[in-house]
Amino acid sequence: MPRKRRKRSLPQPLPLMWMALGLASWETIARRSLMMAEGSCTPAEYQRMVMEKMMAAQQMALLAWSPAATAATLLGPWHKAARSNSRRLRRR
C-alpha cells in the first residue's frame, strides 16, 4: 500500500510556535528526567541530547544569515526538534 503524502502545513504564527515549543520541551525534559531517575537512559540518548542542540543551533545560525530571516524561521529548527523528541519519547 503506498504511503500517503502529507500536505505541507502553513507556517504557524509565532505565539503558537512558542507555545508548542514550550509544551514539547517540557514533555521531553520530563520524560528524559524520568528515564535518568529510573536509570534507563541509554548512552545513545545522552549523546542525542547534545547533538540535537548543536544541530538546531547550527541550522539557526545558517538561517540567521538569510536576509529574509524572521523570528519564526529562526525558531523553526528548535520547534521541529522539540516536537519530534516529544513524539519519539512518548512511544517508549
N, C-alpha and C. Protein backbone atom coordinates (compact mmCIF):
# COMPACT_ATOMS: atom_id res chain seq x y z
N MET A 1 0.83 -1.16 0.00
CA MET A 1 0.00 0.00 0.00
C MET A 1 0.89 1.25 0.00
N PRO A 2 0.69 2.15 -0.93
CA PRO A 2 1.53 3.34 -0.99
C PRO A 2 1.26 4.27 0.19
N ARG A 3 2.33 4.92 0.62
CA ARG A 3 2.21 5.87 1.73
C ARG A 3 1.50 7.13 1.27
N LYS A 4 0.67 7.64 2.14
CA LYS A 4 0.01 8.90 1.83
C LYS A 4 0.99 10.04 2.06
N ARG A 5 0.95 10.97 1.17
CA ARG A 5 1.80 12.15 1.32
C ARG A 5 1.08 13.16 2.19
N ARG A 6 1.81 13.70 3.13
CA ARG A 6 1.23 14.73 3.99
C ARG A 6 1.33 16.07 3.28
N LYS A 7 0.27 16.82 3.38
CA LYS A 7 0.31 18.17 2.81
C LYS A 7 1.16 19.04 3.70
N ARG A 8 1.90 19.89 3.08
CA ARG A 8 2.73 20.81 3.84
C ARG A 8 1.84 21.85 4.50
N SER A 9 1.97 21.99 5.79
CA SER A 9 1.11 22.93 6.51
C SER A 9 1.65 24.35 6.38
N LEU A 10 0.77 25.28 6.57
CA LEU A 10 1.16 26.67 6.54
C LEU A 10 2.00 26.99 7.76
N PRO A 11 2.88 27.97 7.68
CA PRO A 11 3.68 28.32 8.84
C PRO A 11 2.78 28.77 9.99
N GLN A 12 3.16 28.35 11.19
CA GLN A 12 2.38 28.73 12.36
C GLN A 12 2.72 30.16 12.77
N PRO A 13 1.74 30.85 13.34
CA PRO A 13 2.07 32.18 13.90
C PRO A 13 3.06 32.02 15.05
N LEU A 14 3.88 33.03 15.25
CA LEU A 14 4.94 32.96 16.24
C LEU A 14 4.44 32.63 17.66
N PRO A 15 3.37 33.23 18.16
CA PRO A 15 2.92 32.87 19.51
C PRO A 15 2.55 31.39 19.65
N LEU A 16 1.92 30.83 18.62
CA LEU A 16 1.58 29.40 18.67
C LEU A 16 2.83 28.53 18.60
N MET A 17 3.80 28.98 17.84
CA MET A 17 5.06 28.25 17.75
C MET A 17 5.77 28.23 19.09
N TRP A 18 5.79 29.38 19.79
CA TRP A 18 6.40 29.46 21.12
C TRP A 18 5.70 28.53 22.09
N MET A 19 4.36 28.51 22.03
CA MET A 19 3.58 27.66 22.93
C MET A 19 3.87 26.19 22.67
N ALA A 20 3.86 25.80 21.40
CA ALA A 20 4.12 24.40 21.05
C ALA A 20 5.54 24.01 21.43
N LEU A 21 6.49 24.90 21.23
CA LEU A 21 7.88 24.63 21.61
C LEU A 21 7.99 24.45 23.12
N GLY A 22 7.33 25.31 23.87
CA GLY A 22 7.37 25.21 25.33
C GLY A 22 6.78 23.90 25.84
N LEU A 23 5.63 23.51 25.29
CA LEU A 23 4.99 22.27 25.73
C LEU A 23 5.81 21.04 25.34
N ALA A 24 6.32 21.03 24.12
CA ALA A 24 7.11 19.89 23.66
C ALA A 24 8.42 19.79 24.45
N SER A 25 9.02 20.93 24.74
CA SER A 25 10.26 20.93 25.53
C SER A 25 10.00 20.43 26.95
N TRP A 26 8.91 20.91 27.55
CA TRP A 26 8.55 20.47 28.89
C TRP A 26 8.35 18.95 28.92
N GLU A 27 7.62 18.43 27.94
CA GLU A 27 7.37 16.99 27.90
C GLU A 27 8.66 16.21 27.71
N THR A 28 9.53 16.68 26.83
CA THR A 28 10.80 16.00 26.58
C THR A 28 11.67 16.00 27.83
N ILE A 29 11.76 17.13 28.50
CA ILE A 29 12.57 17.22 29.72
C ILE A 29 12.01 16.30 30.80
N ALA A 30 10.69 16.28 30.95
CA ALA A 30 10.07 15.42 31.97
C ALA A 30 10.33 13.95 31.68
N ARG A 31 10.16 13.55 30.43
CA ARG A 31 10.37 12.14 30.08
C ARG A 31 11.84 11.73 30.22
N ARG A 32 12.74 12.59 29.81
CA ARG A 32 14.16 12.26 29.93
C ARG A 32 14.59 12.26 31.40
N SER A 33 14.07 13.16 32.19
CA SER A 33 14.39 13.17 33.62
C SER A 33 13.91 11.89 34.29
N LEU A 34 12.74 11.43 33.91
CA LEU A 34 12.22 10.17 34.45
C LEU A 34 13.11 9.00 34.03
N MET A 35 13.55 9.02 32.77
CA MET A 35 14.45 7.96 32.30
C MET A 35 15.75 7.97 33.10
N MET A 36 16.28 9.15 33.38
CA MET A 36 17.52 9.26 34.16
C MET A 36 17.30 8.77 35.59
N ALA A 37 16.17 9.14 36.18
CA ALA A 37 15.88 8.73 37.56
C ALA A 37 15.71 7.21 37.66
N GLU A 38 15.14 6.61 36.62
CA GLU A 38 14.96 5.16 36.60
C GLU A 38 16.22 4.42 36.21
N GLY A 39 17.19 5.13 35.65
CA GLY A 39 18.42 4.50 35.18
C GLY A 39 18.27 3.83 33.83
N SER A 40 17.24 4.21 33.09
CA SER A 40 17.00 3.57 31.79
C SER A 40 17.43 4.46 30.62
N CYS A 41 18.09 5.58 30.90
CA CYS A 41 18.56 6.46 29.83
C CYS A 41 19.86 5.89 29.26
N THR A 42 19.84 5.60 27.98
CA THR A 42 20.99 4.97 27.33
C THR A 42 22.05 6.01 26.98
N PRO A 43 23.29 5.56 26.78
CA PRO A 43 24.33 6.50 26.32
C PRO A 43 23.97 7.16 24.99
N ALA A 44 23.26 6.43 24.14
CA ALA A 44 22.83 7.00 22.86
C ALA A 44 21.87 8.16 23.08
N GLU A 45 21.01 8.05 24.08
CA GLU A 45 20.06 9.13 24.38
C GLU A 45 20.80 10.35 24.92
N TYR A 46 21.80 10.13 25.77
CA TYR A 46 22.61 11.25 26.27
C TYR A 46 23.31 11.96 25.10
N GLN A 47 23.84 11.17 24.18
CA GLN A 47 24.53 11.75 23.03
C GLN A 47 23.54 12.52 22.15
N ARG A 48 22.34 11.97 22.00
CA ARG A 48 21.31 12.63 21.20
C ARG A 48 20.95 13.99 21.78
N MET A 49 20.92 14.07 23.13
CA MET A 49 20.59 15.34 23.79
C MET A 49 21.56 16.44 23.38
N VAL A 50 22.83 16.10 23.32
CA VAL A 50 23.85 17.09 22.97
C VAL A 50 23.81 17.39 21.48
N MET A 51 23.75 16.36 20.66
CA MET A 51 23.82 16.54 19.21
C MET A 51 22.63 17.32 18.66
N GLU A 52 21.43 17.07 19.18
CA GLU A 52 20.26 17.76 18.64
C GLU A 52 20.33 19.26 18.90
N LYS A 53 20.88 19.64 20.04
CA LYS A 53 21.00 21.07 20.33
C LYS A 53 22.07 21.71 19.46
N MET A 54 23.15 20.99 19.23
CA MET A 54 24.20 21.52 18.35
C MET A 54 23.68 21.69 16.93
N MET A 55 22.92 20.71 16.45
CA MET A 55 22.38 20.79 15.09
C MET A 55 21.37 21.92 14.96
N ALA A 56 20.48 22.07 15.93
CA ALA A 56 19.48 23.14 15.87
C ALA A 56 20.16 24.51 15.91
N ALA A 57 21.19 24.65 16.75
CA ALA A 57 21.91 25.93 16.83
C ALA A 57 22.63 26.23 15.51
N GLN A 58 23.20 25.20 14.90
CA GLN A 58 23.89 25.39 13.63
C GLN A 58 22.90 25.79 12.53
N GLN A 59 21.76 25.11 12.48
CA GLN A 59 20.76 25.45 11.47
C GLN A 59 20.24 26.87 11.67
N MET A 60 20.02 27.24 12.93
CA MET A 60 19.53 28.59 13.22
C MET A 60 20.57 29.63 12.81
N ALA A 61 21.84 29.36 13.07
CA ALA A 61 22.89 30.30 12.69
C ALA A 61 22.95 30.47 11.18
N LEU A 62 22.80 29.39 10.44
CA LEU A 62 22.81 29.48 8.98
C LEU A 62 21.60 30.26 8.48
N LEU A 63 20.44 30.04 9.10
CA LEU A 63 19.24 30.77 8.69
C LEU A 63 19.34 32.25 9.03
N ALA A 64 20.08 32.58 10.09
CA ALA A 64 20.19 33.97 10.51
C ALA A 64 20.90 34.82 9.47
N TRP A 65 21.71 34.22 8.64
CA TRP A 65 22.43 34.96 7.61
C TRP A 65 21.52 35.32 6.44
N SER A 66 20.37 34.71 6.37
CA SER A 66 19.44 34.99 5.29
C SER A 66 18.81 36.36 5.50
N PRO A 67 18.71 37.16 4.43
CA PRO A 67 18.10 38.49 4.59
C PRO A 67 16.61 38.41 4.91
N ALA A 68 15.98 37.30 4.61
CA ALA A 68 14.55 37.15 4.86
C ALA A 68 14.26 36.41 6.18
N ALA A 69 15.25 36.34 7.06
CA ALA A 69 15.08 35.60 8.32
C ALA A 69 14.09 36.32 9.22
N THR A 70 13.12 35.57 9.70
CA THR A 70 12.16 36.09 10.66
C THR A 70 12.32 35.30 11.96
N ALA A 71 11.66 35.76 13.00
CA ALA A 71 11.73 35.05 14.28
C ALA A 71 11.18 33.63 14.15
N ALA A 72 10.10 33.49 13.40
CA ALA A 72 9.51 32.16 13.21
C ALA A 72 10.46 31.24 12.43
N THR A 73 11.16 31.79 11.46
CA THR A 73 12.11 31.00 10.68
C THR A 73 13.26 30.54 11.56
N LEU A 74 13.75 31.44 12.41
CA LEU A 74 14.87 31.10 13.29
C LEU A 74 14.46 30.12 14.38
N LEU A 75 13.21 30.15 14.80
CA LEU A 75 12.72 29.25 15.83
C LEU A 75 12.42 27.87 15.26
N GLY A 76 12.28 27.77 13.96
CA GLY A 76 11.89 26.53 13.29
C GLY A 76 12.70 25.30 13.66
N PRO A 77 14.05 25.34 13.61
CA PRO A 77 14.83 24.14 13.95
C PRO A 77 14.60 23.66 15.38
N TRP A 78 14.46 24.60 16.32
CA TRP A 78 14.22 24.22 17.72
C TRP A 78 12.83 23.60 17.87
N HIS A 79 11.86 24.21 17.19
CA HIS A 79 10.48 23.74 17.24
C HIS A 79 10.38 22.32 16.67
N LYS A 80 11.02 22.09 15.55
CA LYS A 80 10.97 20.78 14.90
C LYS A 80 11.63 19.71 15.77
N ALA A 81 12.79 20.03 16.34
CA ALA A 81 13.50 19.06 17.18
C ALA A 81 12.71 18.73 18.44
N ALA A 82 12.13 19.73 19.06
CA ALA A 82 11.38 19.50 20.30
C ALA A 82 10.14 18.66 20.03
N ARG A 83 9.44 18.94 18.95
CA ARG A 83 8.23 18.17 18.64
C ARG A 83 8.57 16.73 18.29
N SER A 84 9.63 16.51 17.52
CA SER A 84 9.98 15.14 17.15
C SER A 84 10.46 14.36 18.37
N ASN A 85 11.19 15.01 19.28
CA ASN A 85 11.63 14.34 20.50
C ASN A 85 10.45 13.94 21.38
N SER A 86 9.51 14.84 21.56
CA SER A 86 8.38 14.51 22.42
C SER A 86 7.57 13.36 21.83
N ARG A 87 7.40 13.35 20.50
CA ARG A 87 6.68 12.23 19.87
C ARG A 87 7.46 10.93 20.02
N ARG A 88 8.77 10.98 19.82
CA ARG A 88 9.60 9.76 19.91
C ARG A 88 9.61 9.21 21.32
N LEU A 89 9.79 10.08 22.31
CA LEU A 89 9.84 9.62 23.70
C LEU A 89 8.49 9.17 24.20
N ARG A 90 7.42 9.68 23.64
CA ARG A 90 6.07 9.25 24.03
C ARG A 90 5.85 7.78 23.69
N ARG A 91 6.50 7.29 22.65
CA ARG A 91 6.32 5.89 22.23
C ARG A 91 7.08 4.91 23.11
N ARG A 92 8.01 5.38 23.94
CA ARG A 92 8.80 4.48 24.79
C ARG A 92 8.03 4.00 25.97
